[in-house]
């Protein structure tokens, strides 16, 4: 998936007028980048490595509970960072996902 994204981005740079223009400008496509631009890149890369380690070493049940904990942490973090309470739709969605994940982990489908 990442390789496909890279290929499509490279093609779009050469295929579009703005992309070719950006390549000719001084500084190129990284003209407006700062060291702070690397933070989301590094965080996403570390998240990918962590995800791979979880898939390698944790069983399906642990992965399911990690998913539930991740949803709760994401909701709480979003609430704290944005300084807003979670909406009732967001809370209800988290409850449904947690409930369905718990039921799936507790009563997995029978292989036929």
Protein backbone atom coordinates (compact mmCIF):
# COMPACT_ATOMS: atom_id res chain seq x y z
CA UNK A 1 0.00 0.00 0.00
CA UNK A 2 2.83 2.38 0.84
CA UNK A 3 4.62 1.51 -2.38
CA UNK A 4 1.46 2.20 -4.38
CA UNK A 5 1.10 5.58 -2.66
CA UNK A 6 4.72 6.50 -3.44
CA UNK A 7 4.32 5.52 -7.08
CA UNK A 8 1.10 7.49 -7.51
CA UNK A 9 2.62 10.57 -5.85
CA UNK A 10 5.69 10.45 -8.07
CA UNK A 11 3.53 10.09 -11.17
CA UNK A 12 1.35 13.02 -10.06
CA UNK A 13 4.40 15.23 -9.57
CA UNK A 14 5.54 14.69 -13.16
CA UNK A 15 2.05 14.56 -14.69
CA UNK A 16 0.61 17.78 -13.29
CA UNK A 17 1.51 21.34 -14.15
CA UNK A 18 1.92 22.36 -10.50
CA UNK A 19 4.11 19.34 -9.80
CA UNK A 20 6.49 20.16 -12.64
CA UNK A 21 6.54 23.80 -11.53
CA UNK A 22 7.46 22.77 -7.97
CA UNK A 23 10.37 20.71 -9.27
CA UNK A 24 11.77 23.72 -11.19
CA UNK A 25 11.54 26.13 -8.24
CA UNK A 26 14.46 26.72 -5.91
CA UNK A 27 14.16 24.29 -3.01
CA UNK A 28 11.98 21.91 -5.02
CA UNK A 29 9.09 20.06 -3.44
CA UNK A 30 10.64 20.43 0.03
CA UNK A 31 10.77 24.24 -0.17
CA UNK A 32 8.47 24.92 2.79
CA UNK A 33 9.62 22.06 4.99
CA UNK A 34 11.08 22.72 8.44
CA UNK A 35 12.55 20.32 10.97
CA UNK A 36 9.05 20.23 12.54
CA UNK A 37 7.80 18.67 9.30
CA UNK A 38 9.61 15.47 10.25
CA UNK A 39 7.59 14.94 13.45
CA UNK A 40 4.49 13.40 11.80
CA UNK A 41 6.69 11.31 9.51
CA UNK A 42 8.69 9.86 12.40
CA UNK A 43 5.56 9.30 14.52
CA UNK A 44 3.83 7.43 11.68
CA UNK A 45 6.94 5.32 11.07
CA UNK A 46 7.22 4.41 14.75
CA UNK A 47 3.51 3.60 14.81
CA UNK A 48 4.02 1.24 11.89
CA UNK A 49 6.90 -0.51 13.61
CA UNK A 50 4.89 -0.83 16.83
CA UNK A 51 1.93 -2.24 14.90
CA UNK A 52 4.19 -4.81 13.23
CA UNK A 53 5.60 -5.87 16.60
CA UNK A 54 2.11 -6.28 18.05
CA UNK A 55 1.06 -8.42 15.09
CA UNK A 56 4.19 -10.53 15.40
CA UNK A 57 4.21 -11.18 19.14
CA UNK A 58 0.64 -10.80 20.40
CA UNK A 59 -2.18 -13.27 19.93
CA UNK A 60 -5.56 -12.36 18.46
CA UNK A 61 -7.13 -11.77 21.87
CA UNK A 62 -4.40 -9.38 22.99
CA UNK A 63 -4.60 -7.53 19.69
CA UNK A 64 -8.33 -7.13 20.17
CA UNK A 65 -7.94 -5.72 23.64
CA UNK A 66 -5.15 -3.45 22.40
CA UNK A 67 -7.59 -2.16 19.77
CA UNK A 68 -10.18 -1.41 22.44
CA UNK A 69 -7.62 0.35 24.64
CA UNK A 70 -6.38 2.32 21.63
CA UNK A 71 -9.89 3.54 20.86
CA UNK A 72 -10.40 4.71 24.42
CA UNK A 73 -7.00 6.43 24.52
CA UNK A 74 -7.61 8.11 21.16
CA UNK A 75 -10.96 9.47 22.27
CA UNK A 76 -9.58 10.78 25.55
CA UNK A 77 -6.51 12.29 23.90
CA UNK A 78 -8.62 14.00 21.24
CA UNK A 79 -10.87 15.42 23.94
CA UNK A 80 -7.92 16.77 25.95
CA UNK A 81 -6.03 18.22 22.97
CA UNK A 82 -9.03 19.90 21.40
CA UNK A 83 -10.36 21.02 24.77
CA UNK A 84 -13.85 19.78 23.90
CA UNK A 85 -16.02 17.03 25.24
CA UNK A 86 -16.67 14.06 23.00
CA UNK A 87 -20.02 14.26 21.27
CA UNK A 88 -22.71 11.72 22.09
CA UNK A 89 -22.28 10.20 18.60
CA UNK A 90 -18.55 9.70 19.19
CA UNK A 91 -19.13 8.13 22.60
CA UNK A 92 -21.84 5.86 21.20
CA UNK A 93 -19.58 4.82 18.30
CA UNK A 94 -16.75 3.92 20.68
CA UNK A 95 -19.15 1.91 22.87
CA UNK A 96 -20.46 -0.02 19.85
CA UNK A 97 -16.97 -0.77 18.54
CA UNK A 98 -15.82 -1.89 21.98
CA UNK A 99 -18.90 -4.06 22.43
CA UNK A 100 -18.62 -5.66 18.99
CA UNK A 101 -14.88 -6.25 19.43
CA UNK A 102 -15.46 -7.83 22.83
CA UNK A 103 -18.20 -10.09 21.48
CA UNK A 104 -16.06 -11.10 18.51
CA UNK A 105 -13.12 -11.92 20.77
CA UNK A 106 -15.25 -13.79 23.30
CA UNK A 107 -17.30 -15.74 20.75
CA UNK A 108 -15.20 -16.05 17.58
CA UNK A 109 -16.95 -17.28 14.43
CA UNK A 110 -16.81 -21.02 13.89
CA UNK A 111 -14.70 -22.02 10.90
CA UNK A 112 -16.61 -24.12 8.41
